[in-house]
C-alpha atoms as a PDB file:
ATOM      1  CA  MET A   1     106.987 115.391 206.298  1.00  0.00           C
ATOM      2  CA  LYS A   2     106.715 118.931 208.065  1.00  0.00           C
ATOM      3  CA  ASP A   3     109.474 120.196 209.908  1.00  0.00           C
ATOM      4  CA  ASN A   4     109.412 120.179 213.806  1.00  0.00           C
ATOM      5  CA  VAL A   5     110.752 123.429 214.894  1.00  0.00           C
ATOM      6  CA  VAL A   6     111.359 122.521 218.556  1.00  0.00           C
ATOM      7  CA  ARG A   7     113.055 119.203 217.601  1.00  0.00           C
ATOM      8  CA  GLU A   8     115.541 121.117 215.267  1.00  0.00           C
ATOM      9  CA  LYS A   9     116.080 124.133 217.564  1.00  0.00           C
ATOM     10  CA  SER A  10     116.700 121.773 220.756  1.00  0.00           C
ATOM     11  CA  PHE A  11     119.129 119.628 218.788  1.00  0.00           C
ATOM     12  CA  ASP A  12     121.087 122.665 217.310  1.00  0.00           C
ATOM     13  CA  PHE A  13     120.966 124.051 220.940  1.00  0.00           C
ATOM     14  CA  ALA A  14     122.429 120.800 222.251  1.00  0.00           C
ATOM     15  CA  LEU A  15     125.392 121.045 219.689  1.00  0.00           C
ATOM     16  CA  LYS A  16     126.041 124.423 220.789  1.00  0.00           C
ATOM     17  CA  VAL A  17     126.008 123.229 224.435  1.00  0.00           C
ATOM     18  CA  ILE A  18     128.722 120.692 223.686  1.00  0.00           C
ATOM     19  CA  ASP A  19     130.883 123.378 222.027  1.00  0.00           C
ATOM     20  CA  VAL A  20     130.697 125.396 225.072  1.00  0.00           C
ATOM     21  CA  TYR A  21     131.305 122.505 227.308  1.00  0.00           C
ATOM     22  CA  LYS A  22     134.552 121.844 225.466  1.00  0.00           C
ATOM     23  CA  GLU A  23     135.749 125.182 225.995  1.00  0.00           C
ATOM     24  CA  LEU A  24     134.898 125.112 229.648  1.00  0.00           C
ATOM     25  CA  LEU A  25     136.928 122.061 229.979  1.00  0.00           C
ATOM     26  CA  ALA A  26     139.777 123.701 228.217  1.00  0.00           C
ATOM     27  CA  VAL A  27     140.070 126.273 231.114  1.00  0.00           C
ATOM     28  CA  ASN A  28     139.521 123.447 233.826  1.00  0.00           C
ATOM     29  CA  GLU A  29     135.880 124.090 234.554  1.00  0.00           C
ATOM     30  CA  PHE A  30     134.552 120.622 235.553  1.00  0.00           C
ATOM     31  CA  VAL A  31     131.673 121.002 237.987  1.00  0.00           C
ATOM     32  CA  LEU A  32     129.386 123.708 236.581  1.00  0.00           C
ATOM     33  CA  SER A  33     130.246 122.598 232.978  1.00  0.00           C
ATOM     34  CA  LYS A  34     128.920 119.179 233.658  1.00  0.00           C
ATOM     35  CA  GLN A  35     125.530 120.279 235.031  1.00  0.00           C
ATOM     36  CA  PHE A  36     125.246 122.651 232.165  1.00  0.00           C
ATOM     37  CA  LEU A  37     126.026 119.865 229.791  1.00  0.00           C
ATOM     38  CA  ARG A  38     123.508 117.563 231.360  1.00  0.00           C
ATOM     39  CA  SER A  39     120.616 120.067 231.360  1.00  0.00           C
ATOM     40  CA  GLY A  40     121.394 121.572 227.963  1.00  0.00           C
ATOM     41  CA  THR A  41     121.400 118.287 226.237  1.00  0.00           C
ATOM     42  CA  SER A  42     118.355 116.970 228.094  1.00  0.00           C
ATOM     43  CA  ILE A  43     116.187 119.479 226.560  1.00  0.00           C
ATOM     44  CA  GLY A  44     116.358 117.851 223.176  1.00  0.00           C
ATOM     45  CA  ALA A  45     116.223 114.349 224.563  1.00  0.00           C
ATOM     46  CA  ASN A  46     113.028 114.933 226.209  1.00  0.00           C
ATOM     47  CA  VAL A  47     111.480 116.674 223.050  1.00  0.00           C
ATOM     48  CA  GLU A  48     112.456 113.774 221.282  1.00  0.00           C
ATOM     49  CA  GLU A  49     110.860 111.519 223.514  1.00  0.00           C
ATOM     50  CA  ALA A  50     107.666 113.450 223.425  1.00  0.00           C
ATOM     51  CA  THR A  51     107.398 112.663 219.885  1.00  0.00           C
ATOM     52  CA  ALA A  52     106.904 109.189 220.608  1.00  0.00           C
ATOM     53  CA  ALA A  53     104.513 109.788 223.618  1.00  0.00           C
ATOM     54  CA  VAL A  54     101.819 107.061 224.090  1.00  0.00           C
ATOM     55  CA  SER A  55      99.221 109.633 225.272  1.00  0.00           C
ATOM     56  CA  ARG A  56      98.376 113.299 225.304  1.00  0.00           C
ATOM     57  CA  LYS A  57      99.329 113.485 228.969  1.00  0.00           C
ATOM     58  CA  ASP A  58     102.719 111.626 228.278  1.00  0.00           C
ATOM     59  CA  PHE A  59     103.324 114.157 225.707  1.00  0.00           C
ATOM     60  CA  ILE A  60     102.741 117.041 227.887  1.00  0.00           C
ATOM     61  CA  ALA A  61     104.721 115.508 230.728  1.00  0.00           C
ATOM     62  CA  LYS A  62     107.766 115.212 228.353  1.00  0.00           C
ATOM     63  CA  MET A  63     107.636 118.691 227.068  1.00  0.00           C
ATOM     64  CA  ALA A  64     107.065 119.867 230.722  1.00  0.00           C
ATOM     65  CA  ILE A  65     110.315 118.190 231.646  1.00  0.00           C
ATOM     66  CA  ALA A  66     111.930 119.593 228.392  1.00  0.00           C
ATOM     67  CA  SER A  67     110.958 123.160 229.778  1.00  0.00           C
ATOM     68  CA  LYS A  68     112.281 122.530 233.124  1.00  0.00           C
ATOM     69  CA  GLU A  69     115.501 121.548 231.838  1.00  0.00           C
ATOM     70  CA  ALA A  70     115.619 124.711 229.430  1.00  0.00           C
ATOM     71  CA  ARG A  71     115.140 126.952 232.587  1.00  0.00           C
ATOM     72  CA  GLU A  72     117.790 124.976 234.589  1.00  0.00           C
ATOM     73  CA  THR A  73     120.256 125.536 231.544  1.00  0.00           C
ATOM     74  CA  LEU A  74     119.348 129.210 231.437  1.00  0.00           C
ATOM     75  CA  TYR A  75     120.363 129.172 235.187  1.00  0.00           C
ATOM     76  CA  TRP A  76     123.770 127.325 234.577  1.00  0.00           C
ATOM     77  CA  ILE A  77     124.569 129.774 231.602  1.00  0.00           C
ATOM     78  CA  LYS A  78     124.029 132.866 233.491  1.00  0.00           C
ATOM     79  CA  LEU A  79     125.963 131.387 236.715  1.00  0.00           C
ATOM     80  CA  ILE A  80     128.852 130.707 234.158  1.00  0.00           C
ATOM     81  CA  LYS A  81     128.679 134.129 232.605  1.00  0.00           C
ATOM     82  CA  TYR A  82     128.317 136.244 235.613  1.00  0.00           C
ATOM     83  CA  SER A  83     130.746 134.216 237.770  1.00  0.00           C
ATOM     84  CA  GLU A  84     133.488 134.838 234.987  1.00  0.00           C
ATOM     85  CA  LEU A  85     134.529 131.217 235.162  1.00  0.00           C
ATOM     86  CA  ALA A  86     135.632 131.549 231.617  1.00  0.00           C
ATOM     87  CA  SER A  87     135.725 134.508 229.181  1.00  0.00           C
ATOM     88  CA  LEU A  88     133.264 133.425 226.990  1.00  0.00           C
ATOM     89  CA  ASN A  89     130.538 135.194 225.074  1.00  0.00           C
ATOM     90  CA  LEU A  90     127.169 133.365 226.187  1.00  0.00           C
ATOM     91  CA  ASP A  91     124.662 136.014 225.150  1.00  0.00           C
ATOM     92  CA  ASP A  92     123.625 134.126 221.909  1.00  0.00           C
ATOM     93  CA  LEU A  93     123.342 130.945 223.959  1.00  0.00           C
ATOM     94  CA  ILE A  94     121.091 132.925 226.419  1.00  0.00           C
ATOM     95  CA  LEU A  95     118.951 134.065 223.603  1.00  0.00           C
ATOM     96  CA  ASP A  96     118.512 130.405 222.143  1.00  0.00           C
ATOM     97  CA  VAL A  97     117.518 128.869 225.404  1.00  0.00           C
ATOM     98  CA  GLU A  98     115.123 131.900 226.154  1.00  0.00           C
ATOM     99  CA  GLU A  99     113.484 131.126 222.740  1.00  0.00           C
ATOM    100  CA  LEU A 100     113.165 127.327 223.543  1.00  0.00           C
ATOM    101  CA  ILE A 101     111.628 128.115 226.813  1.00  0.00           C
ATOM    102  CA  ARG A 102     108.901 130.355 224.973  1.00  0.00           C
ATOM    103  CA  ILE A 103     108.294 127.710 222.227  1.00  0.00           C
ATOM    104  CA  LEU A 104     108.004 124.846 224.938  1.00  0.00           C
ATOM    105  CA  THR A 105     105.793 126.895 227.033  1.00  0.00           C
ATOM    106  CA  ALA A 106     103.388 127.674 223.960  1.00  0.00           C
ATOM    107  CA  ILE A 107     103.282 123.871 223.257  1.00  0.00           C
ATOM    108  CA  ILE A 108     102.340 122.969 226.735  1.00  0.00           C
ATOM    109  CA  LYS A 109      99.900 125.640 227.077  1.00  0.00           C
ATOM    110  CA  THR A 110      98.094 124.861 223.740  1.00  0.00           C
ATOM    111  CA  MET A 111      97.956 121.219 224.599  1.00  0.00           C
ATOM    112  CA  GLN A 112      96.662 121.838 227.937  1.00  0.00           C
ATOM    113  CA  ASN A 113      93.971 124.154 226.443  1.00  0.00           C
ATOM    114  CA  ASN A 114      92.735 121.792 223.812  1.00  0.00           C
END
């Protein structure tokens, strides 16, 4: 079976999100951390759902939702970083989610154009 890069990257990203979430809880940050956890883990969940899509339209819709969640996650990461709620280095996480956004955008555009 051929590897599915976006599935693997979104799953690995979700694991990183969970790690950062735990660190945020340790410094008593409960509100933004929960939003970040939900959107960050939702990316992979929607990618996973897309793999079982019943139609091309359904596949594109699920991938579009994953893309939106990735963009929301980028927002929460930047908000956490620049508000200095926690002294975490989130630069690698920003690069990871930006890569996911590029991959998801490419998948969506390719499917829409074919």
